[in-house]
Amino acid sequence: MSYKIIQPISLTDGIGLNQLRNEVNTVLDEGVSTILLDLQDVTFINSSAIGALVAMHKAVHGKSGTLSLCSMRKQVSLVLKLSRMDQIFEIFADQQAFQQKQETPVI
């Protein structure tokens, strides 16, 4: 199974969010259906970012793919939990945990 890891630096401005959306769409157009957003460098997340994540999730899901998150700082994790986004996205502790799941055979 092929996957792509994307590591955004910020999710607080429109330019960064548009770049991230474009990157996700490019990856989908390349035929990759499993995407991991590594949020280790993201220190803050606002409602615009949550909306963008939901839109990306729908785009990926619409192509029978999955969009997962990992390496979230406490503040970002808390915002996602309070907004119940943690029930939409599969969240991993880090890239290694994600990669282990990708390598685990489905029975």
PDB file of N, CA and C in Angstrom:
ATOM      1  N   MET A   1       0.851  -1.176   0.000  1.00  0.00           N
ATOM      2  CA  MET A   1       0.000   0.000   0.000  1.00  0.00           C
ATOM      3  C   MET A   1       0.893   1.234   0.000  1.00  0.00           C
ATOM      4  N   SER A   2       0.608   2.151  -0.899  1.00  0.00           N
ATOM      5  CA  SER A   2       1.411   3.367  -0.927  1.00  0.00           C
ATOM      6  C   SER A   2       0.730   4.449  -0.104  1.00  0.00           C
ATOM      7  N   TYR A   3       1.550   5.275   0.487  1.00  0.00           N
ATOM      8  CA  TYR A   3       1.034   6.380   1.276  1.00  0.00           C
ATOM      9  C   TYR A   3       1.977   7.557   1.133  1.00  0.00           C
ATOM     10  N   LYS A   4       1.487   8.713   1.523  1.00  0.00           N
ATOM     11  CA  LYS A   4       2.283   9.942   1.476  1.00  0.00           C
ATOM     12  C   LYS A   4       2.182  10.624   2.826  1.00  0.00           C
ATOM     13  N   ILE A   5       3.315  11.103   3.323  1.00  0.00           N
ATOM     14  CA  ILE A   5       3.354  11.867   4.561  1.00  0.00           C
ATOM     15  C   ILE A   5       3.585  13.333   4.201  1.00  0.00           C
ATOM     16  N   ILE A   6       2.705  14.179   4.691  1.00  0.00           N
ATOM     17  CA  ILE A   6       2.806  15.619   4.472  1.00  0.00           C
ATOM     18  C   ILE A   6       2.993  16.274   5.827  1.00  0.00           C
ATOM     19  N   GLN A   7       3.953  17.188   5.911  1.00  0.00           N
ATOM     20  CA  GLN A   7       4.273  17.816   7.188  1.00  0.00           C
ATOM     21  C   GLN A   7       4.118  19.333   7.085  1.00  0.00           C
ATOM     22  N   PRO A   8       2.898  19.847   7.326  1.00  0.00           N
ATOM     23  CA  PRO A   8       2.703  21.302   7.266  1.00  0.00           C
ATOM     24  C   PRO A   8       3.400  22.007   8.422  1.00  0.00           C
ATOM     25  N   ILE A   9       3.772  23.261   8.177  1.00  0.00           N
ATOM     26  CA  ILE A   9       4.426  24.054   9.212  1.00  0.00           C
ATOM     27  C   ILE A   9       3.400  24.854  10.004  1.00  0.00           C
ATOM     28  N   SER A  10       2.354  25.306   9.317  1.00  0.00           N
ATOM     29  CA  SER A  10       1.346  26.128   9.974  1.00  0.00           C
ATOM     30  C   SER A  10      -0.012  25.873   9.340  1.00  0.00           C
ATOM     31  N   LEU A  11      -1.057  25.973  10.154  1.00  0.00           N
ATOM     32  CA  LEU A  11      -2.418  25.843   9.657  1.00  0.00           C
ATOM     33  C   LEU A  11      -3.249  27.061  10.054  1.00  0.00           C
ATOM     34  N   THR A  12      -2.603  28.202  10.214  1.00  0.00           N
ATOM     35  CA  THR A  12      -3.327  29.360  10.731  1.00  0.00           C
ATOM     36  C   THR A  12      -3.618  30.429   9.688  1.00  0.00           C
ATOM     37  N   ASP A  13      -3.055  30.321   8.491  1.00  0.00           N
ATOM     38  CA  ASP A  13      -3.348  31.341   7.489  1.00  0.00           C
ATOM     39  C   ASP A  13      -3.885  30.703   6.212  1.00  0.00           C
ATOM     40  N   GLY A  14      -4.603  31.511   5.446  1.00  0.00           N
ATOM     41  CA  GLY A  14      -5.221  31.021   4.223  1.00  0.00           C
ATOM     42  C   GLY A  14      -4.229  30.507   3.208  1.00  0.00           C
ATOM     43  N   ILE A  15      -3.069  31.158   3.112  1.00  0.00           N
ATOM     44  CA  ILE A  15      -2.059  30.739   2.139  1.00  0.00           C
ATOM     45  C   ILE A  15      -1.548  29.343   2.479  1.00  0.00           C
ATOM     46  N   GLY A  16      -1.210  29.126   3.732  1.00  0.00           N
ATOM     47  CA  GLY A  16      -0.723  27.806   4.158  1.00  0.00           C
ATOM     48  C   GLY A  16      -1.768  26.720   3.985  1.00  0.00           C
ATOM     49  N   LEU A  17      -3.019  27.046   4.303  1.00  0.00           N
ATOM     50  CA  LEU A  17      -4.093  26.073   4.153  1.00  0.00           C
ATOM     51  C   LEU A  17      -4.339  25.750   2.684  1.00  0.00           C
ATOM     52  N   ASN A  18      -4.286  26.762   1.819  1.00  0.00           N
ATOM     53  CA  ASN A  18      -4.457  26.512   0.387  1.00  0.00           C
ATOM     54  C   ASN A  18      -3.321  25.665  -0.169  1.00  0.00           C
ATOM     55  N   GLN A  19      -2.101  25.921   0.286  1.00  0.00           N
ATOM     56  CA  GLN A  19      -0.961  25.117  -0.158  1.00  0.00           C
ATOM     57  C   GLN A  19      -1.139  23.664   0.279  1.00  0.00           C
ATOM     58  N   LEU A  20      -1.612  23.475   1.506  1.00  0.00           N
ATOM     59  CA  LEU A  20      -1.824  22.122   2.008  1.00  0.00           C
ATOM     60  C   LEU A  20      -2.931  21.423   1.213  1.00  0.00           C
ATOM     61  N   ARG A  21      -4.034  22.116   0.959  1.00  0.00           N
ATOM     62  CA  ARG A  21      -5.120  21.539   0.150  1.00  0.00           C
ATOM     63  C   ARG A  21      -4.612  21.161  -1.235  1.00  0.00           C
ATOM     64  N   ASN A  22      -3.821  22.040  -1.847  1.00  0.00           N
ATOM     65  CA  ASN A  22      -3.268  21.750  -3.172  1.00  0.00           C
ATOM     66  C   ASN A  22      -2.355  20.534  -3.133  1.00  0.00           C
ATOM     67  N   GLU A  23      -1.548  20.434  -2.092  1.00  0.00           N
ATOM     68  CA  GLU A  23      -0.643  19.283  -1.972  1.00  0.00           C
ATOM     69  C   GLU A  23      -1.434  17.992  -1.809  1.00  0.00           C
ATOM     70  N   VAL A  24      -2.482  18.016  -0.984  1.00  0.00           N
ATOM     71  CA  VAL A  24      -3.327  16.827  -0.806  1.00  0.00           C
ATOM     72  C   VAL A  24      -3.985  16.458  -2.130  1.00  0.00           C
ATOM     73  N   ASN A  25      -4.502  17.441  -2.857  1.00  0.00           N
ATOM     74  CA  ASN A  25      -5.137  17.156  -4.149  1.00  0.00           C
ATOM     75  C   ASN A  25      -4.145  16.602  -5.157  1.00  0.00           C
ATOM     76  N   THR A  26      -2.923  17.115  -5.162  1.00  0.00           N
ATOM     77  CA  THR A  26      -1.877  16.607  -6.060  1.00  0.00           C
ATOM     78  C   THR A  26      -1.570  15.152  -5.742  1.00  0.00           C
ATOM     79  N   VAL A  27      -1.451  14.846  -4.464  1.00  0.00           N
ATOM     80  CA  VAL A  27      -1.171  13.465  -4.040  1.00  0.00           C
ATOM     81  C   VAL A  27      -2.305  12.540  -4.480  1.00  0.00           C
ATOM     82  N   LEU A  28      -3.550  12.996  -4.309  1.00  0.00           N
ATOM     83  CA  LEU A  28      -4.696  12.190  -4.745  1.00  0.00           C
ATOM     84  C   LEU A  28      -4.666  11.983  -6.252  1.00  0.00           C
ATOM     85  N   ASP A  29      -4.338  13.031  -7.008  1.00  0.00           N
ATOM     86  CA  ASP A  29      -4.256  12.924  -8.467  1.00  0.00           C
ATOM     87  C   ASP A  29      -3.164  11.962  -8.911  1.00  0.00           C
ATOM     88  N   GLU A  30      -2.134  11.808  -8.081  1.00  0.00           N
ATOM     89  CA  GLU A  30      -1.047  10.864  -8.377  1.00  0.00           C
ATOM     90  C   GLU A  30      -1.439   9.425  -8.055  1.00  0.00           C
ATOM     91  N   GLY A  31      -2.634   9.240  -7.482  1.00  0.00           N
ATOM     92  CA  GLY A  31      -3.121   7.896  -7.196  1.00  0.00           C
ATOM     93  C   GLY A  31      -2.853   7.401  -5.790  1.00  0.00           C
ATOM     94  N   VAL A  32      -2.286   8.246  -4.937  1.00  0.00           N
ATOM     95  CA  VAL A  32      -2.041   7.858  -3.545  1.00  0.00           C
ATOM     96  C   VAL A  32      -3.330   8.111  -2.768  1.00  0.00           C
ATOM     97  N   SER A  33      -3.809   7.089  -2.078  1.00  0.00           N
ATOM     98  CA  SER A  33      -5.085   7.234  -1.375  1.00  0.00           C
ATOM     99  C   SER A  33      -4.949   7.280   0.149  1.00  0.00           C
ATOM    100  N   THR A  34      -3.761   7.036   0.659  1.00  0.00           N
ATOM    101  CA  THR A  34      -3.537   7.076   2.099  1.00  0.00           C
ATOM    102  C   THR A  34      -2.567   8.214   2.401  1.00  0.00           C
ATOM    103  N   ILE A  35      -3.051   9.187   3.176  1.00  0.00           N
ATOM    104  CA  ILE A  35      -2.258  10.383   3.468  1.00  0.00           C
ATOM    105  C   ILE A  35      -2.175  10.577   4.974  1.00  0.00           C
ATOM    106  N   LEU A  36      -0.975  10.882   5.431  1.00  0.00           N
ATOM    107  CA  LEU A  36      -0.745  11.195   6.836  1.00  0.00           C
ATOM    108  C   LEU A  36      -0.287  12.639   6.936  1.00  0.00           C
ATOM    109  N   LEU A  37      -0.998  13.423   7.727  1.00  0.00           N
ATOM    110  CA  LEU A  37      -0.555  14.782   8.029  1.00  0.00           C
ATOM    111  C   LEU A  37       0.200  14.750   9.352  1.00  0.00           C
ATOM    112  N   ASP A  38       1.496  14.990   9.289  1.00  0.00           N
ATOM    113  CA  ASP A  38       2.330  15.034  10.490  1.00  0.00           C
ATOM    114  C   ASP A  38       2.303  16.468  11.007  1.00  0.00           C
ATOM    115  N   LEU A  39       1.668  16.671  12.133  1.00  0.00           N
ATOM    116  CA  LEU A  39       1.438  18.016  12.667  1.00  0.00           C
ATOM    117  C   LEU A  39       2.443  18.426  13.738  1.00  0.00           C
ATOM    118  N   GLN A  40       3.621  17.832  13.748  1.00  0.00           N
ATOM    119  CA  GLN A  40       4.584  18.114  14.808  1.00  0.00           C
ATOM    120  C   GLN A  40       5.016  19.578  14.849  1.00  0.00           C
ATOM    121  N   ASP A  41       4.999  20.283  13.713  1.00  0.00           N
ATOM    122  CA  ASP A  41       5.416  21.683  13.693  1.00  0.00           C
ATOM    123  C   ASP A  41       4.259  22.656  13.876  1.00  0.00           C
ATOM    124  N   VAL A  42       3.037  22.147  13.937  1.00  0.00           N
ATOM    125  CA  VAL A  42       1.853  22.995  14.076  1.00  0.00           C
ATOM    126  C   VAL A  42       1.630  23.267  15.563  1.00  0.00           C
ATOM    127  N   THR A  43       1.685  24.557  15.936  1.00  0.00           N
ATOM    128  CA  THR A  43       1.557  24.918  17.351  1.00  0.00           C
ATOM    129  C   THR A  43       0.163  25.413  17.707  1.00  0.00           C
ATOM    130  N   PHE A  44      -0.631  25.765  16.694  1.00  0.00           N
ATOM    131  CA  PHE A  44      -1.958  26.311  16.942  1.00  0.00           C
ATOM    132  C   PHE A  44      -2.871  25.912  15.799  1.00  0.00           C
ATOM    133  N   ILE A  45      -4.134  25.695  16.114  1.00  0.00           N
ATOM    134  CA  ILE A  45      -5.117  25.352  15.089  1.00  0.00           C
ATOM    135  C   ILE A  45      -6.381  26.154  15.379  1.00  0.00           C
ATOM    136  N   ASN A  46      -6.963  26.748  14.338  1.00  0.00           N
ATOM    137  CA  ASN A  46      -8.166  27.561  14.518  1.00  0.00           C
ATOM    138  C   ASN A  46      -9.330  26.952  13.729  1.00  0.00           C
ATOM    139  N   SER A  47     -10.464  27.631  13.741  1.00  0.00           N
ATOM    140  CA  SER A  47     -11.655  27.090  13.081  1.00  0.00           C
ATOM    141  C   SER A  47     -11.475  26.983  11.573  1.00  0.00           C
ATOM    142  N   SER A  48     -10.708  27.885  10.977  1.00  0.00           N
ATOM    143  CA  SER A  48     -10.436  27.788   9.535  1.00  0.00           C
ATOM    144  C   SER A  48      -9.654  26.518   9.220  1.00  0.00           C
ATOM    145  N   ALA A  49      -8.701  26.206  10.070  1.00  0.00           N
ATOM    146  CA  ALA A  49      -7.910  24.993   9.872  1.00  0.00           C
ATOM    147  C   ALA A  49      -8.768  23.741  10.045  1.00  0.00           C
ATOM    148  N   ILE A  50      -9.657  23.766  11.022  1.00  0.00           N
ATOM    149  CA  ILE A  50     -10.551  22.626  11.227  1.00  0.00           C
ATOM    150  C   ILE A  50     -11.435  22.442   9.992  1.00  0.00           C
ATOM    151  N   GLY A  51     -11.974  23.541   9.473  1.00  0.00           N
ATOM    152  CA  GLY A  51     -12.781  23.466   8.263  1.00  0.00           C
ATOM    153  C   GLY A  51     -11.992  22.920   7.085  1.00  0.00           C
ATOM    154  N   ALA A  52     -10.753  23.353   6.944  1.00  0.00           N
ATOM    155  CA  ALA A  52      -9.901  22.864   5.857  1.00  0.00           C
ATOM    156  C   ALA A  52      -9.591  21.372   6.023  1.00  0.00           C
ATOM    157  N   LEU A  53      -9.339  20.949   7.260  1.00  0.00           N
ATOM    158  CA  LEU A  53      -9.083  19.526   7.500  1.00  0.00           C
ATOM    159  C   LEU A  53     -10.301  18.685   7.142  1.00  0.00           C
ATOM    160  N   VAL A  54     -11.486  19.171   7.499  1.00  0.00           N
ATOM    161  CA  VAL A  54     -12.720  18.449   7.164  1.00  0.00           C
ATOM    162  C   VAL A  54     -12.887  18.375   5.645  1.00  0.00           C
ATOM    163  N   ALA A  55     -12.635  19.481   4.946  1.00  0.00           N
ATOM    164  CA  ALA A  55     -12.746  19.492   3.485  1.00  0.00           C
ATOM    165  C   ALA A  55     -11.752  18.514   2.856  1.00  0.00           C
ATOM    166  N   MET A  56     -10.529  18.488   3.382  1.00  0.00           N
ATOM    167  CA  MET A  56      -9.529  17.542   2.861  1.00  0.00           C
ATOM    168  C   MET A  56      -9.948  16.108   3.149  1.00  0.00           C
ATOM    169  N   HIS A  57     -10.489  15.878   4.346  1.00  0.00           N
ATOM    170  CA  HIS A  57     -10.965  14.542   4.704  1.00  0.00           C
ATOM    171  C   HIS A  57     -12.034  14.083   3.718  1.00  0.00           C
ATOM    172  N   LYS A  58     -12.976  14.965   3.399  1.00  0.00           N
ATOM    173  CA  LYS A  58     -14.042  14.624   2.449  1.00  0.00           C
ATOM    174  C   LYS A  58     -13.474  14.329   1.068  1.00  0.00           C
ATOM    175  N   ALA A  59     -12.502  15.128   0.628  1.00  0.00           N
ATOM    176  CA  ALA A  59     -11.891  14.915  -0.683  1.00  0.00           C
ATOM    177  C   ALA A  59     -11.182  13.565  -0.751  1.00  0.00           C
ATOM    178  N   VAL A  60     -10.436  13.258   0.296  1.00  0.00           N
ATOM    179  CA  VAL A  60      -9.705  11.977   0.338  1.00  0.00           C
ATOM    180  C   VAL A  60     -10.691  10.820   0.440  1.00  0.00           C
ATOM    181  N   HIS A  61     -11.657  10.949   1.326  1.00  0.00           N
ATOM    182  CA  HIS A  61     -12.658   9.897   1.513  1.00  0.00           C
ATOM    183  C   HIS A  61     -13.464   9.685   0.228  1.00  0.00           C
ATOM    184  N   GLY A  62     -13.715  10.769  -0.507  1.00  0.00           N
ATOM    185  CA  GLY A  62     -14.442  10.678  -1.773  1.00  0.00           C
ATOM    186  C   GLY A  62     -13.712   9.862  -2.818  1.00  0.00           C
ATOM    187  N   LYS A  63     -12.404   9.715  -2.658  1.00  0.00           N
ATOM    188  CA  LYS A  63     -11.607   8.878  -3.564  1.00  0.00           C
ATOM    189  C   LYS A  63     -11.240   7.561  -2.888  1.00  0.00           C
ATOM    190  N   SER A  64     -12.060   7.167  -1.908  1.00  0.00           N
ATOM    191  CA  SER A  64     -11.877   5.913  -1.167  1.00  0.00           C
ATOM    192  C   SER A  64     -10.536   5.845  -0.452  1.00  0.00           C
ATOM    193  N   GLY A  65     -10.078   6.987   0.006  1.00  0.00           N
ATOM    194  CA  GLY A  65      -8.808   7.037   0.715  1.00  0.00           C
ATOM    195  C   GLY A  65      -8.980   7.343   2.179  1.00  0.00           C
ATOM    196  N   THR A  66      -7.856   7.481   2.861  1.00  0.00           N
ATOM    197  CA  THR A  66      -7.872   7.836   4.274  1.00  0.00           C
ATOM    198  C   THR A  66      -6.898   8.988   4.518  1.00  0.00           C
ATOM    199  N   LEU A  67      -7.313   9.881   5.401  1.00  0.00           N
ATOM    200  CA  LEU A  67      -6.485  11.004   5.833  1.00  0.00           C
ATOM    201  C   LEU A  67      -6.332  10.883   7.339  1.00  0.00           C
ATOM    202  N   SER A  68      -5.105  10.658   7.784  1.00  0.00           N
ATOM    203  CA  SER A  68      -4.830  10.486   9.207  1.00  0.00           C
ATOM    204  C   SER A  68      -3.924  11.611   9.693  1.00  0.00           C
ATOM    205  N   LEU A  69      -3.852  11.758  11.007  1.00  0.00           N
ATOM    206  CA  LEU A  69      -3.038  12.792  11.638  1.00  0.00           C
ATOM    207  C   LEU A  69      -2.067  12.145  12.618  1.00  0.00           C
ATOM    208  N   CYS A  70      -0.924  12.796  12.833  1.00  0.00           N
ATOM    209  CA  CYS A  70      -0.003  12.293  13.859  1.00  0.00           C
ATOM    210  C   CYS A  70       0.810  13.437  14.444  1.00  0.00           C
ATOM    211  N   SER A  71       1.507  13.121  15.508  1.00  0.00           N
ATOM    212  CA  SER A  71       2.488  14.005  16.157  1.00  0.00           C
ATOM    213  C   SER A  71       1.908  15.352  16.556  1.00  0.00           C
ATOM    214  N   MET A  72       0.729  15.331  17.135  1.00  0.00           N
ATOM    215  CA  MET A  72       0.074  16.579  17.520  1.00  0.00           C
ATOM    216  C   MET A  72       0.562  17.059  18.882  1.00  0.00           C
ATOM    217  N   ARG A  73       0.775  18.348  18.976  1.00  0.00           N
ATOM    218  CA  ARG A  73       1.089  18.963  20.259  1.00  0.00           C
ATOM    219  C   ARG A  73      -0.176  18.974  21.116  1.00  0.00           C
ATOM    220  N   LYS A  74      -0.008  19.141  22.417  1.00  0.00           N
ATOM    221  CA  LYS A  74      -1.147  19.080  23.336  1.00  0.00           C
ATOM    222  C   LYS A  74      -2.243  20.076  22.984  1.00  0.00           C
ATOM    223  N   GLN A  75      -1.878  21.305  22.663  1.00  0.00           N
ATOM    224  CA  GLN A  75      -2.875  22.327  22.372  1.00  0.00           C
ATOM    225  C   GLN A  75      -3.683  21.956  21.118  1.00  0.00           C
ATOM    226  N   VAL A  76      -3.021  21.474  20.097  1.00  0.00           N
ATOM    227  CA  VAL A  76      -3.700  21.073  18.864  1.00  0.00           C
ATOM    228  C   VAL A  76      -4.600  19.875  19.138  1.00  0.00           C
ATOM    229  N   SER A  77      -4.095  18.916  19.875  1.00  0.00           N
ATOM    230  CA  SER A  77      -4.877  17.739  20.234  1.00  0.00           C
ATOM    231  C   SER A  77      -6.130  18.121  21.016  1.00  0.00           C
ATOM    232  N   LEU A  78      -5.982  19.044  21.954  1.00  0.00           N
ATOM    233  CA  LEU A  78      -7.111  19.483  22.761  1.00  0.00           C
ATOM    234  C   LEU A  78      -8.190  20.144  21.903  1.00  0.00           C
ATOM    235  N   VAL A  79      -7.789  21.012  20.990  1.00  0.00           N
ATOM    236  CA  VAL A  79      -8.750  21.674  20.110  1.00  0.00           C
ATOM    237  C   VAL A  79      -9.491  20.644  19.253  1.00  0.00           C
ATOM    238  N   LEU A  80      -8.766  19.663  18.735  1.00  0.00           N
ATOM    239  CA  LEU A  80      -9.411  18.636  17.920  1.00  0.00           C
ATOM    240  C   LEU A  80     -10.363  17.778  18.756  1.00  0.00           C
ATOM    241  N   LYS A  81     -10.015  17.519  20.001  1.00  0.00           N
ATOM    242  CA  LYS A  81     -10.916  16.760  20.870  1.00  0.00           C
ATOM    243  C   LYS A  81     -12.160  17.568  21.207  1.00  0.00           C
ATOM    244  N   LEU A  82     -11.976  18.845  21.544  1.00  0.00           N
ATOM    245  CA  LEU A  82     -13.119  19.689  21.891  1.00  0.00           C
ATOM    246  C   LEU A  82     -14.078  19.868  20.716  1.00  0.00           C
ATOM    247  N   SER A  83     -13.541  19.872  19.505  1.00  0.00           N
ATOM    248  CA  SER A  83     -14.379  20.019  18.319  1.00  0.00           C
ATOM    249  C   SER A  83     -14.833  18.664  17.773  1.00  0.00           C
ATOM    250  N   ARG A  84     -14.484  17.613  18.476  1.00  0.00           N
ATOM    251  CA  ARG A  84     -14.861  16.234  18.146  1.00  0.00           C
ATOM    252  C   ARG A  84     -14.253  15.732  16.836  1.00  0.00           C
ATOM    253  N   MET A  85     -13.246  16.393  16.371  1.00  0.00           N
ATOM    254  CA  MET A  85     -12.564  15.969  15.149  1.00  0.00           C
ATOM    255  C   MET A  85     -11.767  14.692  15.376  1.00  0.00           C
ATOM    256  N   ASP A  86     -11.464  14.408  16.632  1.00  0.00           N
ATOM    257  CA  ASP A  86     -10.743  13.176  16.931  1.00  0.00           C
ATOM    258  C   ASP A  86     -11.590  11.946  16.632  1.00  0.00           C
ATOM    259  N   GLN A  87     -12.896  12.135  16.415  1.00  0.00           N
ATOM    260  CA  GLN A  87     -13.769  11.020  16.057  1.00  0.00           C
ATOM    261  C   GLN A  87     -13.837  10.833  14.547  1.00  0.00           C
ATOM    262  N   ILE A  88     -13.367  11.818  13.799  1.00  0.00           N
ATOM    263  CA  ILE A  88     -13.386  11.735  12.336  1.00  0.00           C
ATOM    264  C   ILE A  88     -12.062  11.201  11.804  1.00  0.00           C
ATOM    265  N   PHE A  89     -10.971  11.680  12.368  1.00  0.00           N
ATOM    266  CA  PHE A  89      -9.644  11.316  11.887  1.00  0.00           C
ATOM    267  C   PHE A  89      -9.048  10.181  12.720  1.00  0.00           C
ATOM    268  N   GLU A  90      -8.310   9.321  12.055  1.00  0.00           N
ATOM    269  CA  GLU A  90      -7.502   8.359  12.789  1.00  0.00           C
ATOM    270  C   GLU A  90      -6.234   9.101  13.191  1.00  0.00           C
ATOM    271  N   ILE A  91      -5.922   9.056  14.476  1.00  0.00           N
ATOM    272  CA  ILE A  91      -4.806   9.821  15.011  1.00  0.00           C
ATOM    273  C   ILE A  91      -3.751   8.865  15.556  1.00  0.00           C
ATOM    274  N   PHE A  92      -2.505   9.125  15.159  1.00  0.00           N
ATOM    275  CA  PHE A  92      -1.376   8.302  15.588  1.00  0.00           C
ATOM    276  C   PHE A  92      -0.428   9.137  16.434  1.00  0.00           C
ATOM    277  N   ALA A  93       0.286   8.478  17.312  1.00  0.00           N
ATOM    278  CA  ALA A  93       1.250   9.180  18.165  1.00  0.00           C
ATOM    279  C   ALA A  93       2.354   9.814  17.333  1.00  0.00           C
ATOM    280  N   ASP A  94       2.818   9.093  16.304  1.00  0.00           N
ATOM    281  CA  ASP A  94       3.908   9.590  15.469  1.00  0.00           C
ATOM    282  C   ASP A  94       3.929   8.831  14.143  1.00  0.00           C
ATOM    283  N   GLN A  95       4.872   9.181  13.282  1.00  0.00           N
ATOM    284  CA  GLN A  95       4.971   8.529  11.977  1.00  0.00           C
ATOM    285  C   GLN A  95       5.244   7.033  12.112  1.00  0.00           C
ATOM    286  N   GLN A  96       6.035   6.661  13.087  1.00  0.00           N
ATOM    287  CA  GLN A  96       6.374   5.252  13.278  1.00  0.00           C
ATOM    288  C   GLN A  96       5.120   4.422  13.573  1.00  0.00           C
ATOM    289  N   ALA A  97       4.239   4.927  14.431  1.00  0.00           N
ATOM    290  CA  ALA A  97       2.998   4.205  14.746  1.00  0.00           C
ATOM    291  C   ALA A  97       2.137   4.060  13.498  1.00  0.00           C
ATOM    292  N   PHE A  98       2.064   5.104  12.682  1.00  0.00           N
ATOM    293  CA  PHE A  98       1.317   5.055  11.427  1.00  0.00           C
ATOM    294  C   PHE A  98       1.920   4.008  10.494  1.00  0.00           C
ATOM    295  N   GLN A  99       3.238   4.044  10.327  1.00  0.00           N
ATOM    296  CA  GLN A  99       3.901   3.119   9.420  1.00  0.00           C
ATOM    297  C   GLN A  99       3.757   1.675   9.883  1.00  0.00           C
ATOM    298  N   GLN A 100       3.764   1.442  11.175  1.00  0.00           N
ATOM    299  CA  GLN A 100       3.561   0.088  11.689  1.00  0.00           C
ATOM    300  C   GLN A 100       2.179  -0.418  11.301  1.00  0.00           C
ATOM    301  N   LYS A 101       1.179   0.438  11.387  1.00  0.00           N
ATOM    302  CA  LYS A 101      -0.172   0.023  11.005  1.00  0.00           C
ATOM    303  C   LYS A 101      -0.242  -0.281   9.504  1.00  0.00           C
ATOM    304  N   GLN A 102       0.464   0.509   8.696  1.00  0.00           N
ATOM    305  CA  GLN A 102       0.462   0.290   7.251  1.00  0.00           C
ATOM    306  C   GLN A 102       1.101  -1.045   6.896  1.00  0.00           C
ATOM    307  N   GLU A 103       2.066  -1.468   7.686  1.00  0.00           N
ATOM    308  CA  GLU A 103       2.780  -2.709   7.408  1.00  0.00           C
ATOM    309  C   GLU A 103       2.098  -3.933   7.986  1.00  0.00           C
ATOM    310  N   THR A 104       1.109  -3.733   8.854  1.00  0.00           N
ATOM    311  CA  THR A 104       0.394  -4.846   9.473  1.00  0.00           C
ATOM    312  C   THR A 104      -0.582  -5.439   8.456  1.00  0.00           C
ATOM    313  N   PRO A 105      -0.458  -6.737   8.181  1.00  0.00           N
ATOM    314  CA  PRO A 105      -1.382  -7.332   7.208  1.00  0.00           C
ATOM    315  C   PRO A 105      -2.811  -7.374   7.739  1.00  0.00           C
ATOM    316  N   VAL A 106      -3.754  -7.130   6.838  1.00  0.00           N
ATOM    317  CA  VAL A 106      -5.171  -7.203   7.181  1.00  0.00           C
ATOM    318  C   VAL A 106      -5.620  -8.638   7.044  1.00  0.00           C
ATOM    319  N   ILE A 107      -6.241  -9.153   8.093  1.00  0.00           N
ATOM    320  CA  ILE A 107      -6.675 -10.564   8.069  1.00  0.00           C
ATOM    321  C   ILE A 107      -8.159 -10.635   7.785  1.00  0.00           C
TER     322      ILE A 107
END
